[in-house]
Amino acid sequence: MNKKEITDLVISWLTISIAFAILVSPGFLNVMGFALAFPLSLIVVGTGFIFHELAHRQVALHFGAHAEYRAWNFGLIFALVSSLFGFIFAAPGAVYIYSNTIDRRQNGLISIAGPATNIIVSIGFLALAIASINEWTTLLGALGFRINMFLALFNLLPVPPLDGSKVFAWNPIIWIIAIAVSFTGVFFVPEMVGSLF
């Protein structure tokens, strides 16, 4: 991993963490709420976003491609602006893959790796929330679950250049299963364990 790639990952991580902290803070630019939300956001967005991108990168490298993460400045700015209006358009950047030999199946596997990682990480956070060790870990677990499931669902939308379009083109059945799991995680699991959320 080169210096540019590390810099882009860190800038994207911090920016998206700020955006999610603004989104979950009570009231418009509530300073105390933001101060409490930002450390939690750093952890859950760090695991969700960075693991997502690294999963794409590692699977691409496994298939012999050259892969590097690059930040998208407009996407970072838009994430911040959208968070002020009560939603987040999370497109901070992407792993760019260079290869003449990647086929549709390999591209589908590279693409599903990111959302699948978010789903796996979200299950870990849900277990942390359910364990209810203390108020802080319960909050961390609930927030980590929701953000990771949201990232999975968003990225699985079948709209280019999002991951979902490439997964769907490769294997519609796997796409349906993955988006159903993430949709359930976003819209139904919080209702099922409502006391934690």
N, C-alpha and C. Protein backbone atom coordinates (compact mmCIF):
# COMPACT_ATOMS: atom_id res chain seq x y z
N MET A 1 0.86 -1.19 0.00
CA MET A 1 0.00 0.00 0.00
C MET A 1 0.89 1.24 0.00
N ASN A 2 0.68 2.13 -0.97
CA ASN A 2 1.55 3.30 -1.07
C ASN A 2 1.03 4.47 -0.24
N LYS A 3 1.85 5.52 -0.13
CA LYS A 3 1.53 6.66 0.72
C LYS A 3 0.25 7.36 0.28
N LYS A 4 0.07 7.52 -1.02
CA LYS A 4 -1.14 8.17 -1.55
C LYS A 4 -2.39 7.40 -1.17
N GLU A 5 -2.32 6.09 -1.27
CA GLU A 5 -3.47 5.25 -0.93
C GLU A 5 -3.81 5.36 0.56
N ILE A 6 -2.79 5.32 1.41
CA ILE A 6 -3.01 5.46 2.85
C ILE A 6 -3.61 6.82 3.17
N THR A 7 -3.07 7.88 2.56
CA THR A 7 -3.59 9.24 2.79
C THR A 7 -5.05 9.33 2.37
N ASP A 8 -5.39 8.79 1.20
CA ASP A 8 -6.77 8.85 0.72
C ASP A 8 -7.71 8.07 1.64
N LEU A 9 -7.27 6.91 2.14
CA LEU A 9 -8.09 6.13 3.07
C LEU A 9 -8.34 6.88 4.36
N VAL A 10 -7.29 7.50 4.91
CA VAL A 10 -7.43 8.22 6.18
C VAL A 10 -8.34 9.44 6.02
N ILE A 11 -8.15 10.21 4.95
CA ILE A 11 -8.99 11.39 4.71
C ILE A 11 -10.45 10.97 4.53
N SER A 12 -10.68 9.91 3.77
CA SER A 12 -12.04 9.43 3.56
C SER A 12 -12.65 8.95 4.87
N TRP A 13 -11.89 8.20 5.65
CA TRP A 13 -12.36 7.69 6.94
C TRP A 13 -12.78 8.83 7.87
N LEU A 14 -11.92 9.85 8.00
CA LEU A 14 -12.22 10.97 8.89
C LEU A 14 -13.44 11.75 8.40
N THR A 15 -13.52 11.98 7.10
CA THR A 15 -14.63 12.75 6.55
C THR A 15 -15.96 12.03 6.73
N ILE A 16 -15.99 10.74 6.42
CA ILE A 16 -17.23 9.98 6.57
C ILE A 16 -17.60 9.84 8.05
N SER A 17 -16.59 9.74 8.92
CA SER A 17 -16.85 9.69 10.36
C SER A 17 -17.50 10.98 10.84
N ILE A 18 -17.02 12.10 10.36
CA ILE A 18 -17.62 13.40 10.71
C ILE A 18 -19.07 13.46 10.22
N ALA A 19 -19.28 13.01 8.98
CA ALA A 19 -20.63 13.05 8.40
C ALA A 19 -21.61 12.20 9.22
N PHE A 20 -21.21 10.98 9.58
CA PHE A 20 -22.10 10.12 10.37
C PHE A 20 -22.30 10.68 11.77
N ALA A 21 -21.27 11.31 12.35
CA ALA A 21 -21.42 11.92 13.67
C ALA A 21 -22.42 13.06 13.63
N ILE A 22 -22.37 13.86 12.58
CA ILE A 22 -23.35 14.94 12.41
C ILE A 22 -24.75 14.34 12.28
N LEU A 23 -24.86 13.28 11.49
CA LEU A 23 -26.17 12.67 11.23
C LEU A 23 -26.82 12.14 12.51
N VAL A 24 -26.04 11.50 13.37
CA VAL A 24 -26.63 10.89 14.57
C VAL A 24 -26.68 11.82 15.77
N SER A 25 -26.10 13.01 15.64
CA SER A 25 -26.14 13.97 16.75
C SER A 25 -27.54 14.56 16.87
N PRO A 26 -28.04 14.70 18.10
CA PRO A 26 -29.37 15.30 18.26
C PRO A 26 -29.34 16.80 17.99
N GLY A 27 -30.27 17.26 17.20
CA GLY A 27 -30.35 18.70 16.91
C GLY A 27 -29.35 19.11 15.85
N PHE A 28 -29.51 20.30 15.33
CA PHE A 28 -28.67 20.80 14.25
C PHE A 28 -27.33 21.26 14.80
N LEU A 29 -26.27 20.58 14.39
CA LEU A 29 -24.91 20.88 14.82
C LEU A 29 -24.80 21.00 16.34
N ASN A 30 -25.35 20.03 17.05
CA ASN A 30 -25.27 19.97 18.50
C ASN A 30 -23.84 19.58 18.89
N VAL A 31 -23.11 20.53 19.49
CA VAL A 31 -21.68 20.33 19.75
C VAL A 31 -21.44 19.18 20.73
N MET A 32 -22.21 19.12 21.80
CA MET A 32 -22.03 18.04 22.77
C MET A 32 -22.40 16.68 22.17
N GLY A 33 -23.50 16.68 21.43
CA GLY A 33 -23.91 15.45 20.76
C GLY A 33 -22.85 14.98 19.78
N PHE A 34 -22.27 15.92 19.03
CA PHE A 34 -21.23 15.58 18.06
C PHE A 34 -19.99 15.05 18.78
N ALA A 35 -19.63 15.69 19.91
CA ALA A 35 -18.44 15.27 20.67
C ALA A 35 -18.58 13.84 21.18
N LEU A 36 -19.80 13.44 21.50
CA LEU A 36 -20.04 12.06 21.94
C LEU A 36 -20.12 11.10 20.76
N ALA A 37 -20.70 11.57 19.66
CA ALA A 37 -20.92 10.70 18.51
C ALA A 37 -19.65 10.46 17.70
N PHE A 38 -18.75 11.45 17.66
CA PHE A 38 -17.59 11.34 16.77
C PHE A 38 -16.67 10.16 17.11
N PRO A 39 -16.30 9.93 18.38
CA PRO A 39 -15.45 8.76 18.67
C PRO A 39 -16.12 7.44 18.29
N LEU A 40 -17.43 7.34 18.54
CA LEU A 40 -18.16 6.13 18.14
C LEU A 40 -18.15 5.98 16.62
N SER A 41 -18.37 7.11 15.95
CA SER A 41 -18.38 7.10 14.49
C SER A 41 -17.03 6.70 13.91
N LEU A 42 -15.95 7.17 14.53
CA LEU A 42 -14.60 6.79 14.07
C LEU A 42 -14.43 5.27 14.09
N ILE A 43 -14.94 4.63 15.15
CA ILE A 43 -14.78 3.18 15.28
C ILE A 43 -15.66 2.45 14.28
N VAL A 44 -16.95 2.80 14.25
CA VAL A 44 -17.86 2.02 13.40
C VAL A 44 -17.66 2.32 11.91
N VAL A 45 -17.37 3.58 11.58
CA VAL A 45 -17.11 3.90 10.18
C VAL A 45 -15.74 3.37 9.77
N GLY A 46 -14.80 3.42 10.70
CA GLY A 46 -13.48 2.87 10.41
C GLY A 46 -13.55 1.40 10.06
N THR A 47 -14.27 0.63 10.89
CA THR A 47 -14.38 -0.80 10.60
C THR A 47 -15.23 -1.02 9.35
N GLY A 48 -16.33 -0.30 9.23
CA GLY A 48 -17.22 -0.50 8.09
C GLY A 48 -16.62 -0.08 6.77
N PHE A 49 -16.12 1.14 6.71
CA PHE A 49 -15.60 1.69 5.47
C PHE A 49 -14.25 1.09 5.09
N ILE A 50 -13.30 1.08 6.03
CA ILE A 50 -11.96 0.61 5.69
C ILE A 50 -11.96 -0.89 5.40
N PHE A 51 -12.66 -1.69 6.21
CA PHE A 51 -12.72 -3.13 5.93
C PHE A 51 -13.40 -3.40 4.59
N HIS A 52 -14.43 -2.61 4.27
CA HIS A 52 -15.13 -2.75 2.99
C HIS A 52 -14.16 -2.56 1.83
N GLU A 53 -13.42 -1.45 1.87
CA GLU A 53 -12.51 -1.15 0.77
C GLU A 53 -11.34 -2.13 0.71
N LEU A 54 -10.82 -2.51 1.86
CA LEU A 54 -9.71 -3.46 1.86
C LEU A 54 -10.14 -4.84 1.37
N ALA A 55 -11.41 -5.19 1.62
CA ALA A 55 -11.91 -6.48 1.12
C ALA A 55 -11.91 -6.48 -0.41
N HIS A 56 -12.41 -5.38 -1.01
CA HIS A 56 -12.34 -5.27 -2.47
C HIS A 56 -10.90 -5.42 -2.95
N ARG A 57 -10.02 -4.68 -2.30
CA ARG A 57 -8.61 -4.63 -2.70
C ARG A 57 -7.96 -6.02 -2.63
N GLN A 58 -8.20 -6.72 -1.52
CA GLN A 58 -7.54 -8.01 -1.34
C GLN A 58 -8.04 -9.06 -2.31
N VAL A 59 -9.34 -9.07 -2.59
CA VAL A 59 -9.87 -10.05 -3.54
C VAL A 59 -9.36 -9.74 -4.94
N ALA A 60 -9.29 -8.45 -5.29
CA ALA A 60 -8.74 -8.07 -6.60
C ALA A 60 -7.27 -8.51 -6.72
N LEU A 61 -6.50 -8.30 -5.67
CA LEU A 61 -5.10 -8.72 -5.68
C LEU A 61 -4.99 -10.24 -5.80
N HIS A 62 -5.92 -10.95 -5.14
CA HIS A 62 -5.95 -12.41 -5.23
C HIS A 62 -6.10 -12.88 -6.68
N PHE A 63 -6.86 -12.13 -7.47
CA PHE A 63 -7.07 -12.48 -8.86
C PHE A 63 -6.00 -11.89 -9.79
N GLY A 64 -4.94 -11.35 -9.20
CA GLY A 64 -3.81 -10.88 -9.98
C GLY A 64 -3.95 -9.49 -10.55
N ALA A 65 -4.95 -8.74 -10.10
CA ALA A 65 -5.14 -7.37 -10.59
C ALA A 65 -4.33 -6.39 -9.75
N HIS A 66 -4.08 -5.23 -10.30
CA HIS A 66 -3.52 -4.12 -9.52
C HIS A 66 -4.71 -3.36 -8.96
N ALA A 67 -4.71 -3.10 -7.65
CA ALA A 67 -5.85 -2.45 -7.00
C ALA A 67 -5.37 -1.38 -6.03
N GLU A 68 -5.95 -0.19 -6.14
CA GLU A 68 -5.62 0.92 -5.23
C GLU A 68 -6.86 1.71 -4.90
N TYR A 69 -6.95 2.11 -3.62
CA TYR A 69 -8.06 2.98 -3.21
C TYR A 69 -7.74 4.42 -3.58
N ARG A 70 -8.76 5.13 -4.10
CA ARG A 70 -8.64 6.55 -4.38
C ARG A 70 -9.87 7.27 -3.85
N ALA A 71 -9.64 8.35 -3.13
CA ALA A 71 -10.74 9.16 -2.61
C ALA A 71 -11.41 9.92 -3.75
N TRP A 72 -12.69 10.22 -3.57
CA TRP A 72 -13.46 11.02 -4.52
C TRP A 72 -13.87 12.29 -3.78
N ASN A 73 -13.20 13.39 -4.08
CA ASN A 73 -13.40 14.63 -3.32
C ASN A 73 -14.84 15.11 -3.34
N PHE A 74 -15.50 15.05 -4.50
CA PHE A 74 -16.90 15.49 -4.57
C PHE A 74 -17.77 14.62 -3.67
N GLY A 75 -17.52 13.30 -3.67
CA GLY A 75 -18.29 12.40 -2.83
C GLY A 75 -18.10 12.69 -1.35
N LEU A 76 -16.89 13.05 -0.96
CA LEU A 76 -16.61 13.39 0.44
C LEU A 76 -17.35 14.67 0.84
N ILE A 77 -17.30 15.68 -0.02
CA ILE A 77 -17.99 16.93 0.27
C ILE A 77 -19.50 16.71 0.32
N PHE A 78 -20.02 15.93 -0.62
CA PHE A 78 -21.45 15.67 -0.66
C PHE A 78 -21.91 14.89 0.57
N ALA A 79 -21.08 13.98 1.07
CA ALA A 79 -21.42 13.24 2.29
C ALA A 79 -21.58 14.20 3.46
N LEU A 80 -20.66 15.15 3.58
CA LEU A 80 -20.75 16.14 4.66
C LEU A 80 -22.00 17.00 4.53
N VAL A 81 -22.24 17.50 3.32
CA VAL A 81 -23.40 18.38 3.09
C VAL A 81 -24.70 17.62 3.31
N SER A 82 -24.79 16.41 2.78
CA SER A 82 -26.03 15.64 2.92
C SER A 82 -26.32 15.31 4.38
N SER A 83 -25.27 15.09 5.19
CA SER A 83 -25.49 14.76 6.61
C SER A 83 -26.18 15.90 7.35
N LEU A 84 -25.98 17.12 6.89
CA LEU A 84 -26.64 18.28 7.51
C LEU A 84 -28.14 18.29 7.23
N PHE A 85 -28.56 17.53 6.22
CA PHE A 85 -29.98 17.49 5.84
C PHE A 85 -30.66 16.18 6.23
N GLY A 86 -29.98 15.40 7.10
CA GLY A 86 -30.62 14.22 7.67
C GLY A 86 -30.45 12.92 6.90
N PHE A 87 -29.53 12.88 5.94
CA PHE A 87 -29.24 11.63 5.24
C PHE A 87 -27.78 11.68 4.80
N ILE A 88 -27.26 10.53 4.40
CA ILE A 88 -25.87 10.51 3.90
C ILE A 88 -25.82 9.79 2.56
N PHE A 89 -25.23 10.46 1.61
CA PHE A 89 -24.86 9.81 0.35
C PHE A 89 -23.39 9.43 0.51
N ALA A 90 -23.15 8.15 0.83
CA ALA A 90 -21.80 7.71 1.20
C ALA A 90 -21.05 7.14 0.01
N ALA A 91 -20.36 8.00 -0.72
CA ALA A 91 -19.52 7.56 -1.84
C ALA A 91 -18.18 8.28 -1.74
N PRO A 92 -17.38 7.93 -0.72
CA PRO A 92 -16.14 8.67 -0.48
C PRO A 92 -15.02 8.36 -1.45
N GLY A 93 -15.13 7.27 -2.16
CA GLY A 93 -14.07 6.86 -3.09
C GLY A 93 -14.27 5.42 -3.45
N ALA A 94 -13.27 4.84 -4.08
CA ALA A 94 -13.40 3.46 -4.53
C ALA A 94 -12.03 2.83 -4.74
N VAL A 95 -12.02 1.51 -4.75
CA VAL A 95 -10.82 0.78 -5.13
C VAL A 95 -10.82 0.67 -6.65
N TYR A 96 -9.82 1.23 -7.26
CA TYR A 96 -9.67 1.16 -8.72
C TYR A 96 -8.85 -0.08 -9.08
N ILE A 97 -9.38 -0.86 -10.00
CA ILE A 97 -8.78 -2.14 -10.35
C ILE A 97 -8.28 -2.07 -11.79
N TYR A 98 -7.04 -2.47 -11.96
CA TYR A 98 -6.43 -2.46 -13.29
C TYR A 98 -6.03 -3.88 -13.66
N SER A 99 -6.71 -4.40 -14.69
CA SER A 99 -6.39 -5.75 -15.17
C SER A 99 -7.08 -5.98 -16.51
N ASN A 100 -6.43 -6.72 -17.36
CA ASN A 100 -7.03 -7.11 -18.63
C ASN A 100 -7.62 -8.51 -18.57
N THR A 101 -7.51 -9.16 -17.42
CA THR A 101 -7.90 -10.57 -17.34
C THR A 101 -9.06 -10.84 -16.39
N ILE A 102 -9.59 -9.81 -15.72
CA ILE A 102 -10.70 -10.02 -14.78
C ILE A 102 -11.98 -10.31 -15.56
N ASP A 103 -12.61 -11.47 -15.28
CA ASP A 103 -13.86 -11.79 -15.98
C ASP A 103 -15.06 -11.39 -15.11
N ARG A 104 -16.26 -11.64 -15.60
CA ARG A 104 -17.49 -11.20 -14.91
C ARG A 104 -17.61 -11.85 -13.53
N ARG A 105 -17.28 -13.13 -13.43
CA ARG A 105 -17.36 -13.81 -12.14
C ARG A 105 -16.38 -13.21 -11.14
N GLN A 106 -15.14 -13.02 -11.56
CA GLN A 106 -14.14 -12.43 -10.67
C GLN A 106 -14.54 -11.01 -10.26
N ASN A 107 -15.07 -10.25 -11.21
CA ASN A 107 -15.51 -8.89 -10.90
C ASN A 107 -16.67 -8.91 -9.90
N GLY A 108 -17.55 -9.90 -10.06
CA GLY A 108 -18.65 -10.05 -9.11
C GLY A 108 -18.17 -10.40 -7.72
N LEU A 109 -17.18 -11.29 -7.64
CA LEU A 109 -16.62 -11.67 -6.33
C LEU A 109 -15.89 -10.50 -5.68
N ILE A 110 -15.16 -9.73 -6.49
CA ILE A 110 -14.49 -8.54 -5.96
C ILE A 110 -15.53 -7.57 -5.42
N SER A 111 -16.63 -7.42 -6.14
CA SER A 111 -17.66 -6.45 -5.77
C SER A 111 -18.45 -6.88 -4.55
N ILE A 112 -18.76 -8.17 -4.42
CA ILE A 112 -19.54 -8.64 -3.27
C ILE A 112 -18.70 -8.64 -1.99
N ALA A 113 -17.38 -8.65 -2.13
CA ALA A 113 -16.51 -8.73 -0.95
C ALA A 113 -16.73 -7.58 0.02
N GLY A 114 -16.93 -6.37 -0.50
CA GLY A 114 -17.13 -5.21 0.37
C GLY A 114 -18.41 -5.28 1.18
N PRO A 115 -19.59 -5.40 0.51
CA PRO A 115 -20.84 -5.51 1.27
C PRO A 115 -20.89 -6.74 2.18
N ALA A 116 -20.33 -7.87 1.73
CA ALA A 116 -20.31 -9.06 2.58
C ALA A 116 -19.52 -8.81 3.85
N THR A 117 -18.42 -8.07 3.72
CA THR A 117 -17.62 -7.71 4.89
C THR A 117 -18.44 -6.85 5.84
N ASN A 118 -19.19 -5.88 5.30
CA ASN A 118 -20.04 -5.04 6.15
C ASN A 118 -21.07 -5.87 6.89
N ILE A 119 -21.66 -6.84 6.22
CA ILE A 119 -22.66 -7.70 6.87
C ILE A 119 -22.03 -8.51 7.99
N ILE A 120 -20.85 -9.07 7.75
CA ILE A 120 -20.16 -9.84 8.78
C ILE A 120 -19.79 -8.96 9.97
N VAL A 121 -19.24 -7.78 9.69
CA VAL A 121 -18.87 -6.86 10.77
C VAL A 121 -20.11 -6.43 11.56
N SER A 122 -21.22 -6.22 10.85
CA SER A 122 -22.44 -5.79 11.54
C SER A 122 -22.94 -6.85 12.51
N ILE A 123 -22.76 -8.12 12.16
CA ILE A 123 -23.17 -9.20 13.06
C ILE A 123 -22.34 -9.17 14.34
N GLY A 124 -21.04 -8.88 14.20
CA GLY A 124 -20.19 -8.73 15.38
C GLY A 124 -20.65 -7.58 16.27
N PHE A 125 -21.01 -6.46 15.64
CA PHE A 125 -21.51 -5.32 16.41
C PHE A 125 -22.85 -5.64 17.08
N LEU A 126 -23.72 -6.38 16.38
CA LEU A 126 -25.00 -6.75 16.98
C LEU A 126 -24.79 -7.62 18.21
N ALA A 127 -23.83 -8.55 18.13
CA ALA A 127 -23.52 -9.39 19.29
C ALA A 127 -23.03 -8.54 20.46
N LEU A 128 -22.23 -7.51 20.15
CA LEU A 128 -21.75 -6.60 21.19
C LEU A 128 -22.92 -5.85 21.84
N ALA A 129 -23.86 -5.40 21.00
CA ALA A 129 -25.03 -4.68 21.54
C ALA A 129 -25.88 -5.59 22.41
N ILE A 130 -26.10 -6.81 21.96
CA ILE A 130 -26.94 -7.75 22.71
C ILE A 130 -26.28 -8.15 24.02
N ALA A 131 -24.95 -8.24 24.03
CA ALA A 131 -24.22 -8.60 25.26
C ALA A 131 -24.45 -7.59 26.37
N SER A 132 -24.73 -6.33 26.01
CA SER A 132 -25.05 -5.27 26.98
C SER A 132 -24.05 -5.23 28.14
N ILE A 133 -22.77 -5.18 27.81
CA ILE A 133 -21.72 -5.13 28.84
C ILE A 133 -21.86 -3.85 29.66
N ASN A 134 -22.03 -2.75 28.96
CA ASN A 134 -22.31 -1.48 29.62
C ASN A 134 -22.99 -0.57 28.60
N GLU A 135 -23.39 0.61 29.02
CA GLU A 135 -24.14 1.51 28.13
C GLU A 135 -23.33 1.89 26.89
N TRP A 136 -22.01 2.11 27.09
CA TRP A 136 -21.17 2.55 25.97
C TRP A 136 -21.05 1.45 24.92
N THR A 137 -20.79 0.20 25.34
CA THR A 137 -20.63 -0.88 24.37
C THR A 137 -21.95 -1.21 23.68
N THR A 138 -23.05 -1.06 24.41
CA THR A 138 -24.36 -1.29 23.79
C THR A 138 -24.61 -0.27 22.70
N LEU A 139 -24.31 1.00 22.99
CA LEU A 139 -24.47 2.06 22.00
C LEU A 139 -23.53 1.84 20.81
N LEU A 140 -22.28 1.49 21.10
CA LEU A 140 -21.31 1.21 20.04
C LEU A 140 -21.78 0.06 19.16
N GLY A 141 -22.26 -1.01 19.78
CA GLY A 141 -22.74 -2.17 19.03
C GLY A 141 -23.94 -1.84 18.15
N ALA A 142 -24.90 -1.10 18.72
CA ALA A 142 -26.10 -0.74 17.96
C ALA A 142 -25.76 0.17 16.78
N LEU A 143 -24.92 1.16 17.03
CA LEU A 143 -24.52 2.08 15.96
C LEU A 143 -23.69 1.36 14.90
N GLY A 144 -22.78 0.50 15.34
CA GLY A 144 -21.95 -0.26 14.41
C GLY A 144 -22.78 -1.18 13.53
N PHE A 145 -23.80 -1.80 14.13
CA PHE A 145 -24.69 -2.66 13.35
C PHE A 145 -25.42 -1.85 12.29
N ARG A 146 -26.01 -0.75 12.70
CA ARG A 146 -26.83 0.04 11.77
C ARG A 146 -25.99 0.62 10.63
N ILE A 147 -24.84 1.17 10.96
CA ILE A 147 -24.02 1.80 9.92
C ILE A 147 -23.48 0.76 8.95
N ASN A 148 -23.02 -0.38 9.45
CA ASN A 148 -22.50 -1.40 8.55
C ASN A 148 -23.59 -2.00 7.66
N MET A 149 -24.77 -2.21 8.22
CA MET A 149 -25.87 -2.71 7.39
C MET A 149 -26.29 -1.67 6.35
N PHE A 150 -26.29 -0.39 6.76
CA PHE A 150 -26.60 0.67 5.80
C PHE A 150 -25.58 0.71 4.67
N LEU A 151 -24.30 0.61 5.01
CA LEU A 151 -23.25 0.62 3.99
C LEU A 151 -23.41 -0.57 3.03
N ALA A 152 -23.75 -1.74 3.58
CA ALA A 152 -23.97 -2.91 2.73
C ALA A 152 -25.13 -2.67 1.78
N LEU A 153 -26.26 -2.21 2.33
CA LEU A 153 -27.45 -1.99 1.51
C LEU A 153 -27.20 -0.94 0.44
N PHE A 154 -26.61 0.17 0.83
CA PHE A 154 -26.33 1.25 -0.13
C PHE A 154 -25.46 0.75 -1.27
N ASN A 155 -24.38 0.05 -0.93
CA ASN A 155 -23.45 -0.42 -1.95
C ASN A 155 -24.02 -1.53 -2.82
N LEU A 156 -25.06 -2.21 -2.34
CA LEU A 156 -25.67 -3.27 -3.13
C LEU A 156 -26.76 -2.78 -4.07
N LEU A 157 -27.07 -1.49 -4.03
CA LEU A 157 -28.04 -0.97 -4.99
C LEU A 157 -27.53 -1.26 -6.41
N PRO A 158 -28.39 -1.75 -7.29
CA PRO A 158 -27.93 -2.18 -8.62
C PRO A 158 -27.78 -1.02 -9.59
N VAL A 159 -27.07 -0.01 -9.16
CA VAL A 159 -26.88 1.21 -9.95
C VAL A 159 -25.38 1.43 -10.16
N PRO A 160 -24.93 1.46 -11.42
CA PRO A 160 -23.50 1.72 -11.66
C PRO A 160 -23.10 3.09 -11.10
N PRO A 161 -21.95 3.24 -10.51
CA PRO A 161 -20.86 2.26 -10.40
C PRO A 161 -20.87 1.48 -9.09
N LEU A 162 -21.99 1.45 -8.37
CA LEU A 162 -22.04 0.76 -7.08
C LEU A 162 -21.83 -0.75 -7.25
N ASP A 163 -21.40 -1.39 -6.17
CA ASP A 163 -21.09 -2.83 -6.19
C ASP A 163 -22.26 -3.67 -6.68
N GLY A 164 -23.46 -3.27 -6.29
CA GLY A 164 -24.64 -4.07 -6.62
C GLY A 164 -24.82 -4.30 -8.11
N SER A 165 -24.46 -3.33 -8.93
CA SER A 165 -24.63 -3.49 -10.38
C SER A 165 -23.72 -4.61 -10.91
N LYS A 166 -22.52 -4.72 -10.35
CA LYS A 166 -21.58 -5.75 -10.81
C LYS A 166 -21.93 -7.12 -10.24
N VAL A 167 -22.42 -7.13 -8.99
CA VAL A 167 -22.84 -8.41 -8.40
C VAL A 167 -24.05 -8.94 -9.16
N PHE A 168 -25.00 -8.07 -9.46
CA PHE A 168 -26.21 -8.48 -10.18
C PHE A 168 -25.86 -9.01 -11.57
N ALA A 169 -24.93 -8.34 -12.25
CA ALA A 169 -24.52 -8.78 -13.59
C ALA A 169 -23.86 -10.15 -13.56
N TRP A 170 -23.17 -10.45 -12.44
CA TRP A 170 -22.50 -11.74 -12.30
C TRP A 170 -23.49 -12.83 -11.89
N ASN A 171 -24.26 -12.58 -10.79
CA ASN A 171 -25.13 -13.62 -10.25
C ASN A 171 -26.32 -12.98 -9.54
N PRO A 172 -27.46 -12.86 -10.23
CA PRO A 172 -28.64 -12.21 -9.62
C PRO A 172 -29.12 -12.88 -8.33
N ILE A 173 -28.94 -14.21 -8.21
CA ILE A 173 -29.39 -14.91 -7.00
C ILE A 173 -28.58 -14.46 -5.79
N ILE A 174 -27.27 -14.41 -5.95
CA ILE A 174 -26.42 -13.95 -4.84
C ILE A 174 -26.74 -12.49 -4.50
N TRP A 175 -26.99 -11.68 -5.53
CA TRP A 175 -27.36 -10.28 -5.28
C TRP A 175 -28.65 -10.20 -4.47
N ILE A 176 -29.66 -11.00 -4.84
CA ILE A 176 -30.95 -10.98 -4.12
C ILE A 176 -30.75 -11.38 -2.67
N ILE A 177 -29.96 -12.42 -2.42
CA ILE A 177 -29.72 -12.87 -1.04
C ILE A 177 -29.02 -11.77 -0.25
N ALA A 178 -27.97 -11.18 -0.82
CA ALA A 178 -27.19 -10.17 -0.11
C ALA A 178 -28.02 -8.93 0.18
N ILE A 179 -28.80 -8.47 -0.80
CA ILE A 179 -29.57 -7.25 -0.57
C ILE A 179 -30.74 -7.53 0.38
N ALA A 180 -31.28 -8.76 0.35
CA ALA A 180 -32.35 -9.11 1.29
C ALA A 180 -31.83 -9.11 2.73
N VAL A 181 -30.62 -9.66 2.93
CA VAL A 181 -30.02 -9.67 4.27
C VAL A 181 -29.78 -8.25 4.76
N SER A 182 -29.20 -7.42 3.90
CA SER A 182 -28.90 -6.04 4.33
C SER A 182 -30.18 -5.23 4.52
N PHE A 183 -31.20 -5.44 3.67
CA PHE A 183 -32.48 -4.75 3.82
C PHE A 183 -33.13 -5.13 5.14
N THR A 184 -33.09 -6.42 5.46
CA THR A 184 -33.63 -6.90 6.74
C THR A 184 -32.87 -6.26 7.91
N GLY A 185 -31.55 -6.18 7.77
CA GLY A 185 -30.74 -5.58 8.83
C GLY A 185 -31.04 -4.11 9.05
N VAL A 186 -31.31 -3.39 7.97
CA VAL A 186 -31.58 -1.95 8.09
C VAL A 186 -32.99 -1.70 8.61
N PHE A 187 -33.99 -2.43 8.11
CA PHE A 187 -35.38 -2.07 8.37
C PHE A 187 -36.12 -2.95 9.36
N PHE A 188 -35.65 -4.19 9.60
CA PHE A 188 -36.41 -5.09 10.47
C PHE A 188 -35.71 -5.47 11.76
N VAL A 189 -34.39 -5.69 11.72
CA VAL A 189 -33.68 -6.10 12.93
C VAL A 189 -33.81 -5.04 14.04
N PRO A 190 -33.65 -3.73 13.73
CA PRO A 190 -33.83 -2.74 14.80
C PRO A 190 -35.21 -2.83 15.47
N GLU A 191 -36.25 -3.20 14.70
CA GLU A 191 -37.58 -3.36 15.29
C GLU A 191 -37.64 -4.60 16.17
N MET A 192 -36.92 -5.65 15.78
CA MET A 192 -36.95 -6.91 16.52
C MET A 192 -36.22 -6.80 17.85
N VAL A 193 -35.16 -5.98 17.89
CA VAL A 193 -34.41 -5.81 19.14
C VAL A 193 -34.47 -4.33 19.52
N GLY A 194 -35.66 -3.79 19.50
CA GLY A 194 -35.89 -2.36 19.62
C GLY A 194 -35.29 -1.70 20.84
N SER A 195 -35.18 -2.42 21.94
CA SER A 195 -34.64 -1.81 23.16
C SER A 195 -33.19 -1.38 23.00
N LEU A 196 -32.47 -2.00 22.05
CA LEU A 196 -31.06 -1.66 21.84
C LEU A 196 -30.90 -0.51 20.86
N PHE A 197 -31.94 -0.23 20.08
CA PHE A 197 -31.83 0.75 19.03
C PHE A 197 -32.70 1.95 19.30
